[in-house]
Every structure is written in structure tokens, then in C-alpha cells.
Amino acid sequence: MTTQTGPGAGTRAHPAATITEGPRGVPLLGNLPAFGKSPLAFFEQLRARGDMVRWRFGRGPALFIADPDTIGELLTEVERTFDQPDLGIAFRTLLGNGVVVAKGADWRRRRSLVQPSVRPKQVRSYAETMSECAVALADRWTDGQRVDIKKEMAALTQLIAVRTIFGADTAADAGAIGRAMDVAQKEIGAEFSGIGALLPDWVPTPGRARVKRATAVIDAEVSRVVARHRAGGTDRPDLLSRLLAARDETGAPLSDREIRDETVTLYIGGHETTSSTLVWAWYLLSRNPRVRAA
């Protein structure tokens, strides 16, 4: 659910008539069963009803938005006008208080420290690492071979994320971090689309326990890599070194906990979504021989 709270609220109010009603859902659970069964199919169903569709995530109201201009307005006003949604205890356990979760002044400080590391100029500096990983993967493929493209793209983006965030010499860390991330993200997805999304934070579940164990592995690996970076100096081309060198307007650096939260956030942002995008790119190429040949 998003709520208008800030000074910009109402500056471009949309007529109530543009919001259509979604499926009725069931008592207490709302539309959660249909969403949990197949999120993509459920959102396609909402899209068929209009650009802005009201539905219920459990007992809480939610709004599906498909209009590009409205999405752009929402994203640019999210810090001033709209509250960040609470994505659940499993999600917060993994991400901590990273820039995706933080609010208000804390969010502005973190954003000012993290953003310089992911500007276009800096991202271009990681192109060589990305190319090396992609070429190495392509060299393992042979004509006529059948490959699991989802698995291959996940492994590729995972390796790129670890090397660009933690350094090209941390290949040994990729396996431990990657496996723990996979477990945590799987359990977060399961909780977010199931009954766990409605349970209070204090209720223990097997999935939440698995997220905690995976997060402990990630914390230990990140702590070890940070210590190695500090011992060897921060004059390195990876994202972690740039975060260690960053200073806010008072000259204060990010704390070790903040470094941990932001590197995990960057990993998730650079791995899962990129992997999914590449899988869809392969699918679209398979449907368009002319573009594929070009």
C-alpha cells in the first residue's frame, strides 16, 4: 500500500474514475492466494482491467499501476510523498537498512554516499569484468548444445555481481555468497507470495529460520572481504572500495553495518533483476530470427 504523506501530495491527483476494482478475493486473505499461485498471471489479469487497479494484499489495500507516466511520477515522489511499503521480516533480515529500505534523512544520506559508485562512468569501468565473464561463459557453449538459459544467466550475473562489488580476486567468495543469497531470495519470495506475508514478525517459521542462517553466512563473508580490503587499502576498482572511501558531508564514512547493508542491496539489484532481464532477452531473440541474425 502507498499513502500520500508529504508536501507534494495531491499536486497531480488522478481522478478516482481512473482506478478500477480488481478481483474480489477471499475474506482475510484478499487476493493473496491468486497472487501467490502465479504473480505474473495475476498481474496480467489486473492489467487487462486498466492502468490503475485496486486489489488487496491480505487485508491491506494495494494498487496496481501500469501507466508509464504514473509509474514515473510515483518513483520520483516516493521519498517525499509516499511511504515505503513494508516487505516483511524476511526481506528486512537480508537487506538490513540499506538504501532500498531506509527512509527520510537516513535514506538521503545513504543515497548520497552510494550513488557516486553506480553512476554511468563508474558502471562503464566494470565493463571489462562483465565482458570477460560473458566471453568465458560463451566459450563453454558449443553449437547444437542445449543449455538451461535461466541457470546459465543466474550464474553469469552472480559471478559478475560478486567480482564488481567485492573485487576480481574474490572468485572463491562467489560460491558461498551466491548459495546463501539464492536460499535467502527463494525464501523471501515464498514468504511474500504465501501466508507468511500475513504473519507477525515474531512468528517463527522454517522459511524465516533459513533466511537467518543464510544471512549469517552472507554477513561472515562480507565481513571477511571488508577486513581484507581495509588491510590492503581501498585504492581498488570495485564497488566495495568506493563505498569504504565514501564520506558524507560531515566527513563521516559508512559504518561496517552500513557497508554490509549496501553491498547486499547492490548484489541483489545487480544479480536477480539482471538475470531475469537476460532470460527474457534470450526468449525474445528466439522469437525474432531477423534480429537474432543481426
Protein backbone atom coordinates (compact mmCIF):
# COMPACT_ATOMS: atom_id res chain seq x y z
CA MET A 1 0.00 0.00 0.00
CA THR A 2 1.21 3.54 -0.70
CA THR A 3 -0.07 6.55 1.22
CA GLN A 4 0.27 10.24 0.39
CA THR A 5 2.02 11.92 3.29
CA GLY A 6 4.37 14.69 2.18
CA PRO A 7 4.17 18.27 0.93
CA GLY A 8 3.94 17.12 -2.68
CA ALA A 9 0.80 15.11 -2.06
CA GLY A 10 -2.05 15.99 -4.35
CA THR A 11 -0.01 18.06 -6.83
CA ARG A 12 -1.08 15.71 -9.64
CA ALA A 13 -4.06 13.91 -8.22
CA HIS A 14 -5.55 11.35 -10.59
CA PRO A 15 -9.33 11.21 -10.98
CA ALA A 16 -10.87 8.46 -8.88
CA ALA A 17 -12.61 7.18 -12.00
CA THR A 18 -9.27 6.06 -13.44
CA ILE A 19 -8.90 3.49 -10.66
CA THR A 20 -10.78 0.27 -11.36
CA GLU A 21 -11.63 -2.54 -8.96
CA GLY A 22 -9.71 -5.80 -9.16
CA PRO A 23 -10.90 -9.33 -8.33
CA ARG A 24 -12.95 -9.57 -5.14
CA GLY A 25 -10.63 -12.03 -3.39
CA VAL A 26 -11.43 -14.02 -0.25
CA PRO A 27 -12.01 -12.95 3.37
CA LEU A 28 -8.87 -12.11 5.37
CA LEU A 29 -6.51 -13.24 2.59
CA GLY A 30 -7.80 -10.90 -0.11
CA ASN A 31 -6.13 -11.65 -3.45
CA LEU A 32 -3.11 -13.30 -1.83
CA PRO A 33 -3.97 -16.87 -2.95
CA ALA A 34 -4.19 -15.86 -6.64
CA PHE A 35 -1.07 -13.70 -6.36
CA GLY A 36 0.88 -16.47 -4.62
CA LYS A 37 -0.13 -19.10 -7.17
CA SER A 38 1.23 -17.10 -10.13
CA PRO A 39 2.22 -13.45 -9.64
CA LEU A 40 2.75 -12.86 -13.36
CA ALA A 41 -0.62 -14.33 -14.35
CA PHE A 42 -2.32 -12.37 -11.58
CA PHE A 43 -0.77 -9.07 -12.70
CA GLU A 44 -1.69 -9.82 -16.31
CA GLN A 45 -5.27 -10.24 -15.10
CA LEU A 46 -5.10 -6.86 -13.35
CA ARG A 47 -3.54 -5.23 -16.42
CA ALA A 48 -6.50 -6.34 -18.51
CA ARG A 49 -8.74 -4.29 -16.20
CA GLY A 50 -6.90 -1.00 -16.67
CA ASP A 51 -3.86 1.17 -15.92
CA MET A 52 -4.68 1.55 -12.21
CA VAL A 53 -6.37 -1.35 -10.44
CA ARG A 54 -7.20 -1.70 -6.75
CA TRP A 55 -6.58 -5.11 -5.14
CA ARG A 56 -5.97 -6.50 -1.67
CA PHE A 57 -2.73 -7.94 -0.31
CA GLY A 58 -4.19 -9.85 2.61
CA ARG A 59 -6.34 -7.34 4.48
CA GLY A 60 -4.30 -4.38 3.24
CA PRO A 61 -5.22 -2.34 0.16
CA ALA A 62 -2.80 -2.32 -2.78
CA LEU A 63 -2.75 -0.51 -6.10
CA PHE A 64 -1.50 -1.99 -9.38
CA ILE A 65 -0.13 0.68 -11.74
CA ALA A 66 0.72 0.03 -15.39
CA ASP A 67 0.72 3.53 -16.93
CA PRO A 68 4.37 4.60 -17.60
CA ASP A 69 3.79 8.28 -16.74
CA THR A 70 2.11 7.39 -13.46
CA ILE A 71 4.90 4.94 -12.60
CA GLY A 72 7.47 7.68 -13.29
CA GLU A 73 5.60 10.09 -11.04
CA LEU A 74 5.42 7.50 -8.27
CA LEU A 75 9.14 6.69 -8.44
CA THR A 76 10.22 10.33 -8.38
CA GLU A 77 7.91 11.19 -5.46
CA VAL A 78 8.36 8.06 -3.38
CA GLU A 79 10.63 9.70 -0.79
CA ARG A 80 8.67 12.95 -0.39
CA THR A 81 5.08 11.89 -0.95
CA PHE A 82 4.69 8.14 -0.44
CA ASP A 83 5.65 5.78 2.36
CA GLN A 84 7.90 2.85 1.52
CA PRO A 85 5.97 -0.44 1.75
CA ASP A 86 6.93 -2.94 4.44
CA LEU A 87 8.10 -6.02 2.53
CA GLY A 88 8.26 -8.29 5.57
CA ILE A 89 10.68 -9.57 8.20
CA ALA A 90 12.46 -11.98 5.83
CA PHE A 91 13.22 -9.15 3.40
CA ARG A 92 14.44 -6.85 6.20
CA THR A 93 16.59 -9.64 7.68
CA LEU A 94 18.54 -9.90 4.43
CA LEU A 95 18.72 -6.24 3.38
CA GLY A 96 19.03 -4.69 6.83
CA ASN A 97 18.57 -0.93 6.48
CA GLY A 98 20.07 -0.49 3.01
CA VAL A 99 19.14 2.33 0.67
CA VAL A 100 16.12 0.38 -0.63
CA VAL A 101 14.66 0.13 2.89
CA ALA A 102 15.87 3.32 4.62
CA LYS A 103 13.62 6.37 4.95
CA GLY A 104 13.87 10.13 5.41
CA ALA A 105 17.19 11.71 6.32
CA ASP A 106 18.84 8.30 6.68
CA TRP A 107 17.80 7.43 3.11
CA ARG A 108 19.13 10.75 1.76
CA ARG A 109 22.49 10.23 3.47
CA ARG A 110 22.86 6.67 2.22
CA ARG A 111 21.79 7.62 -1.30
CA SER A 112 24.36 10.45 -1.44
CA LEU A 113 27.11 8.00 -0.42
CA VAL A 114 26.07 5.09 -2.64
CA GLN A 115 25.01 6.89 -5.81
CA PRO A 116 28.50 8.02 -6.95
CA SER A 117 29.55 4.36 -7.10
CA VAL A 118 26.85 3.43 -9.60
CA ARG A 119 26.86 6.41 -11.95
CA PRO A 120 27.28 5.64 -15.68
CA LYS A 121 31.01 6.49 -15.68
CA GLN A 122 31.67 4.11 -12.80
CA VAL A 123 29.49 1.33 -14.25
CA ARG A 124 31.39 1.58 -17.57
CA SER A 125 34.58 0.88 -15.66
CA TYR A 126 33.18 -2.56 -14.82
CA ALA A 127 32.59 -3.39 -18.49
CA GLU A 128 35.83 -5.33 -18.85
CA THR A 129 34.91 -7.65 -15.97
CA MET A 130 31.44 -8.15 -17.42
CA SER A 131 32.85 -8.92 -20.87
CA GLU A 132 35.42 -11.37 -19.52
CA CYS A 133 32.75 -13.30 -17.62
CA ALA A 134 30.37 -13.34 -20.60
CA VAL A 135 33.05 -14.48 -23.06
CA ALA A 136 34.20 -17.22 -20.68
CA LEU A 137 30.61 -18.49 -20.50
CA ALA A 138 30.13 -18.34 -24.28
CA ASP A 139 33.36 -20.27 -24.81
CA ARG A 140 31.91 -23.17 -22.82
CA TRP A 141 28.92 -23.45 -25.17
CA THR A 142 29.08 -25.47 -28.38
CA ASP A 143 26.89 -25.47 -31.50
CA GLY A 144 23.85 -27.70 -31.06
CA GLN A 145 24.21 -27.86 -27.29
CA ARG A 146 21.05 -27.47 -25.17
CA VAL A 147 21.55 -25.22 -22.15
CA ASP A 148 19.36 -24.15 -19.24
CA ILE A 149 19.44 -20.44 -20.02
CA LYS A 150 17.87 -19.38 -16.72
CA LYS A 151 20.53 -21.28 -14.78
CA GLU A 152 23.34 -20.00 -17.00
CA MET A 153 22.27 -16.36 -16.77
CA ALA A 154 21.86 -16.62 -13.00
CA ALA A 155 25.41 -17.99 -12.66
CA LEU A 156 26.78 -15.32 -15.01
CA THR A 157 25.21 -12.34 -13.26
CA GLN A 158 26.08 -13.81 -9.87
CA LEU A 159 29.76 -14.01 -10.77
CA ILE A 160 29.74 -10.50 -12.28
CA ALA A 161 28.00 -9.08 -9.20
CA VAL A 162 30.49 -10.64 -6.79
CA ARG A 163 33.51 -9.53 -8.82
CA THR A 164 32.37 -5.97 -9.46
CA ILE A 165 31.20 -5.43 -5.89
CA PHE A 166 33.88 -7.29 -3.93
CA GLY A 167 36.78 -7.42 -6.39
CA ALA A 168 38.01 -9.54 -9.29
CA ASP A 169 40.21 -11.62 -6.98
CA THR A 170 37.33 -12.92 -4.86
CA ALA A 171 36.17 -15.81 -7.02
CA ALA A 172 36.40 -18.14 -4.02
CA ASP A 173 33.82 -15.97 -2.23
CA ALA A 174 31.33 -16.16 -5.08
CA GLY A 175 30.18 -19.68 -4.27
CA ALA A 176 29.43 -19.14 -0.57
CA ILE A 177 27.81 -15.73 -1.06
CA GLY A 178 25.88 -16.89 -4.11
CA ARG A 179 24.46 -20.03 -2.47
CA ALA A 180 23.39 -18.11 0.63
CA MET A 181 21.81 -15.37 -1.50
CA ASP A 182 19.91 -17.97 -3.51
CA VAL A 183 18.47 -19.52 -0.35
CA ALA A 184 17.52 -16.15 1.15
CA GLN A 185 15.92 -14.81 -2.02
CA LYS A 186 13.96 -18.03 -2.56
CA GLU A 187 12.56 -17.92 0.96
CA ILE A 188 11.73 -14.21 0.70
CA GLY A 189 9.80 -14.88 -2.49
CA ALA A 190 7.97 -17.79 -0.87
CA GLU A 191 7.01 -15.71 2.17
CA PHE A 192 5.98 -12.69 0.14
CA SER A 193 3.60 -14.74 -2.02
CA GLY A 194 2.28 -17.02 0.72
CA ILE A 195 0.60 -16.99 4.08
CA GLY A 196 3.87 -15.91 5.72
CA ALA A 197 3.26 -12.40 4.37
CA LEU A 198 0.37 -12.06 6.84
CA LEU A 199 2.16 -13.43 9.91
CA PRO A 200 3.56 -11.07 12.58
CA ASP A 201 7.35 -10.63 12.63
CA TRP A 202 7.70 -12.60 15.87
CA VAL A 203 6.15 -15.79 14.48
CA PRO A 204 8.94 -18.31 13.74
CA THR A 205 8.67 -20.29 10.51
CA PRO A 206 11.06 -22.72 8.81
CA GLY A 207 11.49 -20.24 5.93
CA ARG A 208 12.42 -17.39 8.25
CA ALA A 209 14.92 -19.65 10.02
CA ARG A 210 16.53 -20.48 6.66
CA VAL A 211 16.76 -16.76 5.83
CA LYS A 212 18.51 -16.11 9.16
CA ARG A 213 21.04 -18.90 8.56
CA ALA A 214 21.73 -17.71 5.01
CA THR A 215 22.09 -14.11 6.20
CA ALA A 216 24.63 -15.22 8.83
CA VAL A 217 26.74 -16.78 6.05
CA ILE A 218 26.49 -13.60 3.97
CA ASP A 219 27.42 -11.41 6.97
CA ALA A 220 30.50 -13.53 7.69
CA GLU A 221 31.66 -13.46 4.05
CA VAL A 222 31.12 -9.71 3.67
CA SER A 223 32.91 -9.05 6.98
CA ARG A 224 35.87 -11.13 5.82
CA VAL A 225 36.09 -9.34 2.47
CA VAL A 226 35.76 -5.89 4.10
CA ALA A 227 38.57 -6.72 6.54
CA ARG A 228 40.77 -7.82 3.62
CA HIS A 229 40.02 -4.59 1.75
CA ARG A 230 40.83 -2.45 4.78
CA ALA A 231 44.13 -4.27 5.27
CA GLY A 232 45.09 -3.89 1.62
CA GLY A 233 43.90 -0.31 1.16
CA THR A 234 40.85 0.98 -0.69
CA ASP A 235 42.60 2.00 -3.92
CA ARG A 236 40.85 -0.70 -5.94
CA PRO A 237 38.33 -0.52 -8.80
CA ASP A 238 35.49 -2.44 -7.14
CA LEU A 239 32.30 -1.03 -5.62
CA LEU A 240 33.22 -2.08 -2.09
CA SER A 241 36.40 0.02 -2.19
CA ARG A 242 34.41 3.04 -3.35
CA LEU A 243 31.92 2.57 -0.52
CA LEU A 244 34.76 2.28 2.01
CA ALA A 245 36.25 5.53 0.71
CA ALA A 246 32.94 7.43 0.63
CA ARG A 247 32.36 10.26 3.11
CA ASP A 248 29.21 12.20 3.91
CA GLU A 249 29.01 15.99 4.22
CA THR A 250 30.39 15.80 7.78
CA GLY A 251 33.34 13.67 6.66
CA ALA A 252 31.98 10.53 8.31
CA PRO A 253 32.33 7.16 6.49
CA LEU A 254 29.76 4.40 6.25
CA SER A 255 29.85 2.11 9.27
CA ASP A 256 30.65 -1.58 8.87
CA ARG A 257 26.94 -2.38 9.23
CA GLU A 258 26.04 0.20 6.57
CA ILE A 259 28.72 -1.20 4.26
CA ARG A 260 27.24 -4.67 4.73
CA ASP A 261 23.69 -3.49 4.04
CA GLU A 262 24.62 -1.55 0.90
CA THR A 263 26.78 -4.29 -0.63
CA VAL A 264 23.98 -6.83 -0.14
CA THR A 265 21.49 -4.37 -1.67
CA LEU A 266 23.79 -3.80 -4.66
CA TYR A 267 24.28 -7.54 -5.08
CA ILE A 268 20.55 -8.21 -5.24
CA GLY A 269 19.99 -5.24 -7.57
CA GLY A 270 22.76 -6.36 -9.90
CA HIS A 271 22.09 -10.10 -9.88
CA GLU A 272 18.45 -11.22 -9.75
CA THR A 273 16.86 -8.49 -11.87
CA THR A 274 19.67 -8.53 -14.44
CA SER A 275 19.47 -12.31 -14.72
CA SER A 276 15.72 -12.16 -15.35
CA THR A 277 16.18 -9.43 -17.96
CA LEU A 278 18.75 -11.53 -19.83
CA VAL A 279 16.47 -14.58 -19.80
CA TRP A 280 13.69 -12.51 -21.38
CA ALA A 281 16.19 -11.13 -23.92
CA TRP A 282 17.07 -14.67 -25.00
CA TYR A 283 13.37 -15.52 -25.23
CA LEU A 284 12.65 -12.51 -27.45
CA LEU A 285 15.64 -13.29 -29.66
CA SER A 286 14.31 -16.82 -30.08
CA ARG A 287 11.04 -15.34 -31.32
CA ASN A 288 12.67 -12.93 -33.78
CA PRO A 289 15.12 -14.68 -36.17
CA ARG A 290 15.89 -11.48 -38.12
CA VAL A 291 17.06 -9.60 -35.03
CA ARG A 292 18.92 -12.68 -33.79
CA ALA A 293 20.79 -12.97 -37.10
CA ALA A 294 21.73 -9.29 -36.97
